Amino acid sequence: MKNDSTNYTTEKVAENTIIEGSMKPAVFAADAASGLNSTRMKYKPMLDDTILFRDETSVETKKHSIAQLIEKLNVIENLRYKRTVEDTYCNVYSFDYCHFNNVYLPTVWWTDEAIERLQAGEDVTPIYNDTVKTIYSSAITDWFVKWGPAFGWKRTMDVNELQEKVNNEGAIGIICAKRKIRGLSGHIVPVVPETAAHKAYREDGRVIYPLQSQAGKVNYKYFAKVKKDWWNNALYSSSVFYYHD
């Protein structure tokens, strides 16, 4: 999304940051008003029993259910992800993708004051525009490095390894990039398992452009070569690759 004004810390943090202990996820209860054909309450999980969660029985059931989820979310057609004059919704789509894959990715995050209260042992309730605010893709880039390990995210520096984790383990993969100019849109996309019809782009047997799925200026269920290594665009100051088992 374009608007990236925040009320929480987004300073650059060391690549080897490890969070000791745990942090309470900032997440609302699923709401029936938050839906695929609605523009309302995009900061809340969707309450829709027709959207199935990832089947974690085996690698194959994981990948099969991920493919089903991509078809169900249908980023190309559903109103929830359609760009507007003001915004694009890469963060909403990535949040939904992770949510239904049983993996935590924030769409809202605690304010600095709320974090201090939580770390002091207080039980803080998410209240929109009070204790939590929407977190956009530039800030999520820093969130991954600072907080991601506390929620099971693991970092890799290699897109080939990222695609292999997704393909061979049914892992959830993410690429996230931070804009150089504060307040302008970064970008975040899931890296998804290859299928018979959809492949990553390789050179000499190694993945150069992973298979991805996105909401953005243009929405794609699947893409690889069409956007090349978009995360290396001069618009971005940094990018990260993460996966979750």
Protein backbone atom coordinates (compact mmCIF):
# COMPACT_ATOMS: atom_id res chain seq x y z
CA MET A 1 0.00 0.00 0.00
CA LYS A 2 1.14 3.57 -0.61
CA ASN A 3 0.54 5.19 2.77
CA ASP A 4 3.29 4.06 5.09
CA SER A 5 3.09 6.59 7.92
CA THR A 6 3.52 4.69 11.16
CA ASN A 7 3.53 5.01 14.92
CA TYR A 8 5.95 2.20 15.67
CA THR A 9 9.67 1.75 15.36
CA THR A 10 10.93 0.97 11.84
CA GLU A 11 14.63 1.71 12.24
CA LYS A 12 17.07 -0.56 10.44
CA VAL A 13 18.03 -3.47 12.67
CA ALA A 14 20.91 -5.92 12.49
CA GLU A 15 20.47 -8.90 10.19
CA ASN A 16 21.23 -11.34 13.01
CA THR A 17 18.64 -9.89 15.42
CA ILE A 18 17.18 -12.62 17.61
CA ILE A 19 14.17 -11.93 19.77
CA GLU A 20 14.32 -13.72 23.09
CA GLY A 21 11.02 -14.86 24.55
CA SER A 22 7.80 -14.19 22.76
CA MET A 23 5.60 -11.30 21.69
CA LYS A 24 1.83 -11.49 21.59
CA PRO A 25 0.58 -11.36 17.99
CA ALA A 26 -1.44 -8.29 17.08
CA VAL A 27 -4.51 -9.81 15.49
CA PHE A 28 -8.26 -9.35 15.60
CA ALA A 29 -10.89 -12.05 15.70
CA ALA A 30 -12.16 -13.09 12.28
CA ASP A 31 -15.11 -10.99 11.16
CA ALA A 32 -17.86 -11.82 8.65
CA ALA A 33 -17.79 -8.17 7.51
CA SER A 34 -14.23 -8.74 6.24
CA GLY A 35 -14.69 -10.63 2.99
CA LEU A 36 -13.45 -11.30 -0.52
CA ASN A 37 -16.18 -9.19 -2.11
CA SER A 38 -15.97 -6.34 0.37
CA THR A 39 -13.64 -3.41 0.95
CA ARG A 40 -14.53 -3.27 4.64
CA MET A 41 -12.33 -4.19 7.59
CA LYS A 42 -9.36 -5.37 5.56
CA TYR A 43 -7.31 -5.28 8.75
CA LYS A 44 -9.30 -8.21 10.15
CA PRO A 45 -9.14 -11.89 9.16
CA MET A 46 -12.03 -13.08 7.01
CA LEU A 47 -14.68 -15.24 8.64
CA ASP A 48 -15.58 -17.44 5.67
CA ASP A 49 -15.95 -21.20 6.04
CA THR A 50 -15.60 -21.66 2.28
CA ILE A 51 -11.92 -20.67 2.54
CA LEU A 52 -10.01 -23.72 3.74
CA PHE A 53 -6.90 -23.61 5.89
CA ARG A 54 -3.70 -25.38 4.80
CA ASP A 55 -3.82 -29.13 5.27
CA GLU A 56 -0.53 -29.88 7.03
CA THR A 57 -0.80 -33.69 6.89
CA SER A 58 2.06 -33.98 4.39
CA VAL A 59 4.12 -31.93 1.95
CA GLU A 60 1.75 -32.86 -0.85
CA THR A 61 -1.38 -31.90 1.09
CA LYS A 62 0.28 -28.61 2.03
CA LYS A 63 1.06 -27.77 -1.59
CA HIS A 64 -2.32 -28.93 -2.84
CA SER A 65 -4.16 -26.81 -0.29
CA ILE A 66 -1.95 -23.81 -1.10
CA ALA A 67 -2.90 -24.11 -4.77
CA GLN A 68 -6.56 -24.34 -3.78
CA LEU A 69 -6.19 -21.26 -1.59
CA ILE A 70 -4.65 -19.21 -4.41
CA GLU A 71 -7.62 -20.12 -6.62
CA LYS A 72 -10.11 -19.32 -3.86
CA LEU A 73 -8.61 -15.96 -2.95
CA ASN A 74 -8.56 -15.18 -6.69
CA VAL A 75 -6.50 -12.02 -6.39
CA ILE A 76 -7.33 -11.00 -9.95
CA GLU A 77 -11.10 -10.86 -9.53
CA ASN A 78 -12.03 -10.31 -5.89
CA LEU A 79 -12.88 -6.80 -4.72
CA ARG A 80 -10.80 -7.09 -1.54
CA TYR A 81 -7.55 -6.89 -3.52
CA LYS A 82 -8.43 -4.49 -6.33
CA ARG A 83 -6.25 -1.40 -6.45
CA THR A 84 -7.83 2.00 -5.89
CA VAL A 85 -6.68 5.49 -6.80
CA GLU A 86 -5.07 5.75 -3.37
CA ASP A 87 -3.81 2.27 -2.60
CA THR A 88 -2.74 -1.20 -3.60
CA TYR A 89 -3.20 -4.19 -1.30
CA CYS A 90 -0.10 -6.38 -1.37
CA ASN A 91 -0.06 -6.45 2.43
CA VAL A 92 -3.71 -7.52 2.70
CA TYR A 93 -3.25 -10.34 0.20
CA SER A 94 -0.05 -11.53 1.88
CA PHE A 95 -1.77 -11.41 5.27
CA ASP A 96 -4.71 -13.48 3.99
CA TYR A 97 -2.36 -15.95 2.31
CA CYS A 98 -0.41 -16.46 5.53
CA HIS A 99 -3.50 -16.51 7.76
CA PHE A 100 -5.12 -19.38 5.86
CA ASN A 101 -1.79 -21.19 5.83
CA ASN A 102 -1.73 -21.09 9.66
CA VAL A 103 1.22 -18.68 9.74
CA TYR A 104 1.35 -15.31 11.49
CA LEU A 105 2.06 -12.22 9.41
CA PRO A 106 0.82 -8.89 10.78
CA THR A 107 -1.64 -6.67 9.00
CA VAL A 108 -1.74 -4.50 12.11
CA TRP A 109 1.05 -4.16 14.65
CA TRP A 110 1.42 -2.82 18.14
CA THR A 111 2.29 0.81 18.74
CA ASP A 112 5.51 1.53 20.61
CA GLU A 113 3.51 2.32 23.74
CA ALA A 114 1.59 -0.96 23.49
CA ILE A 115 4.87 -2.89 23.08
CA GLU A 116 6.24 -1.29 26.24
CA ARG A 117 3.08 -2.31 28.11
CA LEU A 118 3.26 -5.87 26.78
CA GLN A 119 6.93 -6.20 27.68
CA ALA A 120 6.07 -4.97 31.17
CA GLY A 121 3.67 -7.92 31.49
CA GLU A 122 0.40 -6.11 30.83
CA ASP A 123 -2.28 -7.87 28.77
CA VAL A 124 -2.99 -5.37 25.99
CA THR A 125 -6.05 -5.69 23.75
CA PRO A 126 -5.81 -4.79 20.05
CA ILE A 127 -7.77 -1.58 19.45
CA TYR A 128 -7.52 -0.18 15.94
CA ASN A 129 -5.80 3.22 15.74
CA ASP A 130 -5.12 3.04 19.47
CA THR A 131 -2.98 0.08 20.56
CA VAL A 132 -2.46 -1.17 16.98
CA LYS A 133 -2.14 0.45 13.58
CA THR A 134 -2.04 -0.93 10.05
CA ILE A 135 1.47 -2.03 9.10
CA TYR A 136 2.48 -1.62 5.47
CA SER A 137 5.10 -3.41 3.42
CA SER A 138 8.05 -1.09 4.05
CA ALA A 139 7.57 -1.43 7.82
CA ILE A 140 6.94 -5.18 7.48
CA THR A 141 10.44 -5.50 5.98
CA ASP A 142 11.87 -4.27 9.27
CA TRP A 143 9.29 -6.27 11.24
CA PHE A 144 10.58 -9.50 9.72
CA VAL A 145 14.13 -8.83 10.86
CA LYS A 146 13.20 -7.60 14.32
CA TRP A 147 10.20 -9.75 15.21
CA GLY A 148 9.95 -12.50 12.60
CA PRO A 149 12.05 -15.09 14.49
CA ALA A 150 9.70 -14.82 17.48
CA PHE A 151 6.88 -16.03 15.20
CA GLY A 152 8.77 -18.86 13.49
CA TRP A 153 10.06 -17.03 10.41
CA LYS A 154 13.50 -18.05 9.12
CA ARG A 155 15.66 -15.93 6.86
CA THR A 156 17.50 -16.94 3.72
CA MET A 157 19.63 -14.84 1.40
CA ASP A 158 19.02 -17.08 -1.62
CA VAL A 159 15.87 -17.13 -3.77
CA ASN A 160 16.78 -20.60 -5.00
CA GLU A 161 16.77 -21.90 -1.43
CA LEU A 162 13.51 -20.04 -0.77
CA GLN A 163 11.82 -21.73 -3.72
CA GLU A 164 13.20 -25.13 -2.68
CA LYS A 165 11.80 -24.72 0.85
CA VAL A 166 8.40 -23.89 -0.61
CA ASN A 167 8.52 -26.70 -3.19
CA ASN A 168 10.08 -29.46 -1.10
CA GLU A 169 8.58 -28.75 2.32
CA GLY A 170 5.33 -26.95 1.57
CA ALA A 171 6.75 -23.95 3.45
CA ILE A 172 5.33 -20.44 3.29
CA GLY A 173 7.70 -18.05 1.52
CA ILE A 174 7.73 -14.26 1.49
CA ILE A 175 9.73 -11.56 -0.30
CA CYS A 176 9.38 -8.10 1.23
CA ALA A 177 11.01 -4.83 0.14
CA LYS A 178 11.27 -1.39 1.74
CA ARG A 179 11.01 1.85 -0.23
CA LYS A 180 13.84 4.38 -0.04
CA ILE A 181 11.40 7.26 0.34
CA ARG A 182 9.43 7.07 3.56
CA GLY A 183 5.69 7.19 3.00
CA LEU A 184 5.79 5.54 -0.42
CA SER A 185 4.79 1.98 -1.08
CA GLY A 186 7.11 -0.94 -0.53
CA HIS A 187 6.03 -4.39 -1.69
CA ILE A 188 5.39 -7.84 -0.24
CA VAL A 189 4.59 -11.07 -2.07
CA PRO A 190 4.21 -14.75 -1.22
CA VAL A 191 6.54 -17.22 -2.94
CA VAL A 192 4.40 -20.22 -3.83
CA PRO A 193 4.87 -23.88 -4.79
CA GLU A 194 5.47 -24.65 -8.44
CA THR A 195 2.76 -26.54 -10.29
CA ALA A 196 2.59 -28.36 -13.60
CA ALA A 197 1.33 -25.16 -15.23
CA HIS A 198 3.29 -22.53 -13.28
CA LYS A 199 7.07 -22.51 -12.81
CA ALA A 200 9.82 -20.34 -11.37
CA TYR A 201 12.37 -18.98 -13.83
CA ARG A 202 15.75 -20.74 -13.75
CA GLU A 203 19.15 -20.27 -15.31
CA ASP A 204 21.66 -23.14 -15.21
CA GLY A 205 19.26 -25.05 -12.99
CA ARG A 206 19.00 -22.36 -10.30
CA VAL A 207 15.99 -20.20 -9.52
CA ILE A 208 16.56 -16.60 -10.56
CA TYR A 209 12.95 -15.40 -10.26
CA PRO A 210 10.79 -17.44 -7.85
CA LEU A 211 7.17 -18.32 -8.54
CA GLN A 212 5.13 -15.65 -6.77
CA SER A 213 1.53 -14.48 -6.25
CA GLN A 214 0.60 -10.87 -5.58
CA ALA A 215 -1.78 -7.98 -5.22
CA GLY A 216 -0.29 -4.70 -6.43
CA LYS A 217 -0.50 -2.29 -9.33
CA VAL A 218 -1.18 -5.43 -11.35
CA ASN A 219 -2.56 -8.52 -9.60
CA TYR A 220 -1.25 -11.97 -10.49
CA LYS A 221 -2.27 -15.39 -9.25
CA TYR A 222 1.13 -16.60 -10.45
CA PHE A 223 4.15 -14.86 -11.93
CA ALA A 224 7.91 -15.23 -12.17
CA LYS A 225 9.83 -13.75 -15.11
CA VAL A 226 7.38 -10.94 -15.89
CA LYS A 227 8.63 -8.81 -12.98
CA LYS A 228 12.17 -10.22 -12.91
CA ASP A 229 14.05 -9.40 -9.68
CA TRP A 230 11.69 -6.58 -8.72
CA TRP A 231 13.12 -6.48 -5.16
CA ASN A 232 16.41 -5.14 -6.59
CA ASN A 233 14.68 -2.15 -8.18
CA ALA A 234 16.34 1.18 -7.34
CA LEU A 235 13.08 2.25 -5.66
CA TYR A 236 13.84 -0.04 -2.71
CA SER A 237 16.44 0.46 0.00
CA SER A 238 16.40 -3.14 1.23
CA SER A 239 14.66 -6.48 0.79
CA VAL A 240 14.34 -9.72 2.75
CA PHE A 241 13.51 -13.36 1.97
CA TYR A 242 11.79 -15.40 4.68
CA TYR A 243 10.10 -18.77 4.99
CA HIS A 244 7.97 -20.47 7.62
CA ASP A 245 7.61 -24.25 8.03
